[in-house]
Protein backbone atom coordinates (compact mmCIF):
# COMPACT_ATOMS: atom_id res chain seq x y z
CA MET A 1 40.47 194.73 179.08
CA HIS A 2 38.92 195.89 182.34
CA GLN A 3 37.19 192.92 183.96
CA GLN A 4 34.81 192.70 187.26
CA LEU A 5 35.70 190.51 189.79
CA ILE A 6 33.03 187.92 190.89
CA PRO A 7 32.89 186.69 194.49
CA ASP A 8 33.08 183.10 194.58
CA HIS A 9 29.88 182.23 196.31
CA LEU A 10 27.95 184.25 193.32
CA LYS A 11 29.76 182.39 190.54
CA ASN A 12 27.21 179.44 190.21
CA THR A 13 24.13 181.89 189.96
CA ILE A 14 25.03 184.32 187.38
CA PHE A 15 25.96 182.50 184.44
CA GLN A 16 22.86 182.77 183.00
CA THR A 17 21.22 183.89 179.29
CA ILE A 18 19.96 187.40 179.41
CA GLY A 19 17.50 187.76 176.75
CA GLY A 20 15.20 190.47 175.60
CA CYS A 21 17.62 193.19 176.26
CA LEU A 22 16.48 196.72 175.29
CA LEU A 23 18.94 199.27 173.53
CA PHE A 24 20.72 200.26 176.38
CA ALA A 25 19.82 197.03 178.92
CA CYS A 26 23.11 196.91 181.22
CA GLY A 27 24.17 193.68 182.60
CA LEU A 28 22.79 191.35 185.05
CA LEU A 29 22.45 192.24 188.86
CA VAL A 30 23.32 189.86 191.46
CA GLY A 31 23.01 190.59 195.02
CA GLY A 32 24.28 194.10 194.68
CA TYR A 33 26.80 193.22 191.82
CA SER A 34 27.15 194.57 188.64
CA ILE A 35 27.93 191.63 186.01
CA ALA A 36 29.16 193.59 182.76
CA GLU A 37 27.52 192.37 179.77
CA SER A 38 30.96 191.08 178.48
CA SER A 39 30.86 188.79 181.26
CA GLY A 40 29.72 185.87 179.27
CA ARG A 41 31.60 186.01 176.46
CA ILE A 42 32.55 182.80 174.87
CA ASP A 43 32.37 183.04 171.33
CA SER A 44 34.28 185.91 169.37
CA GLY A 45 33.47 184.88 165.97
CA THR A 46 31.86 186.99 163.14
CA SER A 47 28.32 186.84 162.09
CA SER A 48 27.56 184.96 158.80
CA ARG A 49 26.13 188.21 157.28
CA PHE A 50 29.03 190.35 157.31
CA GLY A 51 27.05 193.64 157.50
CA ASP A 52 24.06 195.53 156.58
CA SER A 53 23.69 198.76 154.67
CA TRP A 54 21.07 201.50 153.49
CA GLN A 55 20.08 205.12 153.29
CA GLU A 56 18.13 207.18 155.19
CA GLU A 57 16.83 210.62 154.67
CA VAL A 58 17.69 212.79 157.09
CA LEU A 59 15.49 215.86 158.11
CA PHE A 60 17.36 219.23 159.46
CA HIS A 61 15.93 221.59 162.23
CA ASP A 62 15.72 224.40 159.31
CA GLY A 63 13.87 221.93 156.89
CA ARG A 64 16.49 220.81 154.78
CA THR A 65 17.15 216.99 153.90
CA ILE A 66 19.82 214.92 153.20
CA ILE A 67 20.64 211.50 152.26
CA VAL A 68 22.62 209.55 154.59
CA ASP A 69 24.35 206.35 153.78
CA ARG A 70 24.65 204.00 156.60
CA SER A 71 26.69 200.72 157.33
CA GLN A 72 27.31 198.14 159.85
CA SER A 73 29.10 195.08 160.93
CA TYR A 74 28.96 192.46 163.35
CA GLY A 75 31.01 190.55 165.36
CA GLY A 76 33.09 190.26 168.78
CA GLY A 77 32.06 188.76 172.35
CA HIS A 78 28.66 187.15 172.56
CA GLU A 79 27.06 184.19 174.15
CA ILE A 80 27.13 180.60 172.07
CA GLY A 81 23.76 180.87 170.06
CA GLN A 82 23.41 184.54 170.23
CA ARG A 83 24.14 186.77 167.37
CA PRO A 84 27.23 188.68 167.39
CA PRO A 85 26.72 192.39 168.63
CA LEU A 86 27.24 195.53 166.16
CA ARG A 87 30.94 195.52 165.72
CA ASP A 88 31.10 198.95 163.97
CA MET A 89 29.09 201.82 162.42
CA THR A 90 29.74 204.40 159.74
CA ILE A 91 27.69 207.15 158.45
CA SER A 92 28.66 208.67 155.01
CA PHE A 93 27.07 212.16 153.80
CA THR A 94 27.62 215.09 151.36
CA LEU A 95 27.80 218.37 153.32
CA PRO A 96 24.91 220.62 152.08
CA GLY A 97 26.21 223.54 150.20
CA GLN A 98 29.58 222.22 150.07
CA GLY A 99 29.77 218.97 148.16
CA LYS A 100 32.21 217.82 150.84
CA ARG A 101 31.83 214.05 151.57
CA LEU A 102 32.36 213.24 155.07
CA SER A 103 32.11 210.05 157.32
CA TRP A 104 31.84 209.19 161.03
CA LEU A 105 32.77 205.91 162.19
CA SER A 106 31.83 203.93 165.57
CA GLU A 107 34.65 201.66 165.78
CA TYR A 108 35.16 198.29 167.48
CA SER A 109 36.79 198.27 170.97
CA ASP A 110 38.62 195.63 172.69
CA ASP A 111 37.61 196.90 176.02
CA LEU A 112 34.05 196.61 174.94
CA GLY A 113 33.78 193.56 172.60
CA ARG A 114 31.89 195.72 170.40
CA SER A 115 31.16 199.24 168.84
CA ASN A 116 31.40 202.14 171.34
CA PHE A 117 28.08 203.85 170.24
CA THR A 118 24.87 203.69 168.45
CA LEU A 119 23.56 206.58 166.58
CA ALA A 120 20.84 209.13 167.34
CA ALA A 121 21.12 211.97 165.15
CA LEU A 122 23.23 214.23 162.43
CA HIS A 123 22.69 217.89 162.63
CA VAL A 124 24.12 220.96 160.65
CA LEU A 125 24.42 224.67 161.62
CA ASN A 126 26.65 227.24 159.61
CA ASP A 127 27.96 224.26 157.39
CA THR A 128 29.50 222.78 160.69
CA PRO A 129 28.31 219.12 161.29
CA TYR A 130 27.54 217.63 164.61
CA VAL A 131 26.91 213.84 165.75
CA VAL A 132 24.82 212.71 168.52
CA ALA A 133 25.64 209.21 169.98
CA LEU A 134 24.50 206.95 172.22
CA PRO A 135 26.91 204.79 174.47
CA ASN A 136 26.79 201.20 173.55
CA LEU A 137 25.34 199.42 176.74
CA CYS A 138 26.80 199.53 180.10
CA LEU A 139 30.60 199.18 179.54
CA SER A 140 30.51 201.75 176.97
CA TYR A 141 28.56 204.29 179.05
CA ASN A 142 30.88 203.78 182.21
CA LYS A 143 33.80 204.38 179.46
CA TRP A 144 32.20 207.70 178.14
CA GLY A 145 31.94 209.12 181.39
CA ARG A 146 28.29 208.06 182.30
CA PRO A 147 26.20 211.17 180.41
CA ASN A 148 22.98 212.37 181.32
CA PRO A 149 21.32 212.91 179.02
CA PRO A 150 22.99 209.83 177.79
CA TYR A 151 24.60 211.65 174.66
CA VAL A 152 27.95 211.88 173.38
CA ILE A 153 28.67 214.84 171.20
CA PHE A 154 30.65 215.04 168.20
CA LYS A 155 31.60 218.02 166.05
CA TYR A 156 33.62 218.28 162.83
CA GLN A 157 36.31 220.96 163.34
CA GLY A 158 39.67 221.21 161.92
CA ASN A 159 39.06 218.24 159.25
CA ALA A 160 38.57 215.91 162.11
CA TRP A 161 35.52 214.56 164.86
CA ALA A 162 36.41 215.85 168.38
CA ARG A 163 33.75 215.24 171.12
CA ILE A 164 32.46 218.50 172.58
CA PRO A 165 30.33 219.03 175.98
CA PHE A 166 26.93 218.49 175.82
CA PRO A 167 26.23 221.86 176.43
CA GLU A 168 27.95 222.90 173.30
CA LEU A 169 25.28 221.29 170.99
CA PRO A 170 23.69 224.30 169.49
CA VAL A 171 19.90 224.72 171.38
CA GLU A 172 18.51 224.77 167.34
CA PHE A 173 18.87 220.65 167.29
CA LYS A 174 15.95 219.00 168.83
CA SER A 175 15.32 215.71 166.55
CA ILE A 176 16.53 212.52 166.84
CA ASN A 177 16.70 211.91 163.04
CA LEU A 178 18.50 209.03 162.24
CA VAL A 179 16.87 205.34 163.47
CA VAL A 180 18.21 204.63 166.75
CA GLU A 181 17.45 201.10 167.10
CA ASN A 182 18.45 198.69 163.79
CA PHE A 183 20.19 195.78 164.97
CA ASN A 184 17.13 193.58 164.86
CA ASN A 185 15.86 195.34 161.58
CA ALA A 186 18.99 196.22 159.62
CA ALA A 187 18.32 193.45 157.33
CA GLU A 188 14.93 194.68 156.46
CA PHE A 189 16.18 198.01 155.95
CA SER A 190 19.00 196.84 153.47
CA ARG A 191 16.05 195.02 151.63
CA LEU A 192 14.15 198.43 151.52
CA GLY A 193 17.27 200.62 150.25
CA ARG A 194 16.02 203.80 152.05
CA LEU A 195 13.92 205.09 154.73
CA SER A 196 12.29 208.41 154.34
CA ALA A 197 12.51 210.64 157.05
CA GLU A 198 8.79 210.11 157.82
CA LYS A 199 9.71 206.65 158.48
CA VAL A 200 12.51 207.43 160.54
CA LYS A 201 10.27 209.54 162.62
CA GLN A 202 7.81 206.71 162.74
CA LEU A 203 10.24 204.08 164.03
CA ASN A 204 12.22 206.12 166.75
CA GLY A 205 8.61 207.37 168.16
CA GLN A 206 7.88 203.68 168.86
CA LEU A 207 10.47 203.61 171.40
CA THR A 208 9.40 204.02 175.10
CA GLN A 209 12.58 205.96 176.16
CA PRO A 210 12.10 209.84 175.71
CA GLU A 211 15.77 210.46 175.21
CA TYR A 212 15.36 208.30 171.79
CA ARG A 213 12.58 210.30 170.32
CA GLU A 214 14.09 213.88 170.74
CA ILE A 215 17.04 215.64 172.12
CA LEU A 216 16.68 216.01 175.83
CA ARG A 217 18.37 218.91 177.60
CA GLU A 218 17.79 218.33 181.02
CA PRO A 219 19.36 215.38 183.16
CA ILE A 220 17.03 212.13 183.53
CA ALA A 221 15.81 211.55 187.18
CA GLY A 222 17.67 208.06 188.02
CA GLY A 223 19.59 208.33 184.70
CA GLY A 224 22.33 205.77 184.82
CA GLU A 225 20.44 203.28 187.38
CA TRP A 226 20.20 200.68 184.68
CA CYS A 227 24.38 200.19 184.91
CA GLU A 228 26.21 200.08 187.95
CA GLN A 229 29.22 202.59 188.09
CA THR A 230 32.82 200.91 187.79
CA PHE A 231 35.76 201.97 189.34
CA PRO A 232 39.17 201.08 187.53
CA ASN A 233 42.28 200.80 189.64
CA GLY A 234 44.59 202.07 186.66
CA LYS A 235 46.17 198.15 186.73
CA GLY A 236 43.72 196.68 184.38
CA ARG A 237 40.78 195.84 186.55
CA ALA A 238 37.76 197.70 187.57
CA LEU A 239 35.50 196.89 190.33
CA GLY A 240 31.49 197.87 190.79
CA ALA A 241 30.11 200.18 193.51
CA GLY A 242 28.78 196.98 195.51
CA TRP A 243 32.49 196.14 196.22
CA PHE A 244 33.26 199.07 197.97
CA LYS A 245 29.93 199.01 199.96
CA LEU A 246 30.06 195.45 200.92
CA ASN A 247 31.30 195.89 204.61
CA GLU A 248 29.28 199.04 205.00
CA ASP A 249 31.82 201.30 206.49
CA MET A 250 34.93 202.89 205.75
CA ALA A 251 37.22 200.49 207.18
CA GLY A 252 35.99 197.58 205.34
CA CYS A 253 35.86 200.17 201.85
CA MET A 254 39.73 200.98 202.51
CA LYS A 255 40.65 197.42 202.90
CA VAL A 256 38.96 196.67 199.29
CA CYS A 257 41.00 199.01 197.97
CA GLN A 258 43.81 198.06 199.40
CA GLN A 259 43.23 194.23 198.33
CA TYR A 260 42.81 195.45 194.68
CA GLU A 261 45.52 197.73 194.63
CA TYR A 262 43.88 201.04 194.35
CA ASP A 263 45.91 204.12 195.31
CA ALA A 264 44.42 206.96 197.09
CA ALA A 265 43.73 209.01 194.06
CA LEU A 266 41.63 206.06 192.45
CA CYS A 267 40.12 204.47 195.61
CA PRO A 268 36.52 205.79 195.57
CA CYS A 269 35.58 205.32 199.39
CA ASN A 270 35.27 208.96 200.18
CA LYS A 271 32.37 209.07 197.73
CA PHE A 272 30.36 206.44 199.83
CA PHE A 273 31.40 207.09 203.48
CA ASN A 274 32.45 210.18 205.46
């Protein structure tokens, strides 16, 4: 697993409980260093409630609707006293007009300690389904290339799901038509059994981030600033940008690369100093 190293003089200041995080809350920023949200993992046990499942009515761009089955389980790295994170998430649906049953899974990942994604939308065009996913917190955002707008797109082709570049998402798709923030409400959704398309729209409309209410096509100004970029050395370690800027010059940056075994291809100093 990639881990960010923490300077000794900061160790006594960073191990604090971070509460009230929003959907995309990143790690604590201390003195310019990004401490990834996994840094405080202590308890890797599973939730006492194995998981939740419910249905959502999904409204497509052409006015058609389908019923999607959603399920998710909990477990992985988390602070003592906090709920386990989302471990995995599945949606299943019958492809309109074909009767073909498909599923899409966001799996648990050891390098993240949780599910890779949360969900934003399911759309279909010319009998081809597309999934619009959101990276699940800062580590996932870095892992999936720091997309801006913050979407990772999957297309069903050749009997399998494959990631495609964001510009290949058909322009007809505009709506976020799956409940984005469900972690705190999943038990209630399970009790209700099914959410209407209007209810899905209402719930997403309560979120403050515009990228969670509709599919944005242009990069967001300042997008990604909530999550410091990290740079892996290819040998199991990754440092945040603050480490390379610490000495404020190219020579100091190169010393960091040398100390932490970054070869020329992976050392990011040219990104920060000319």
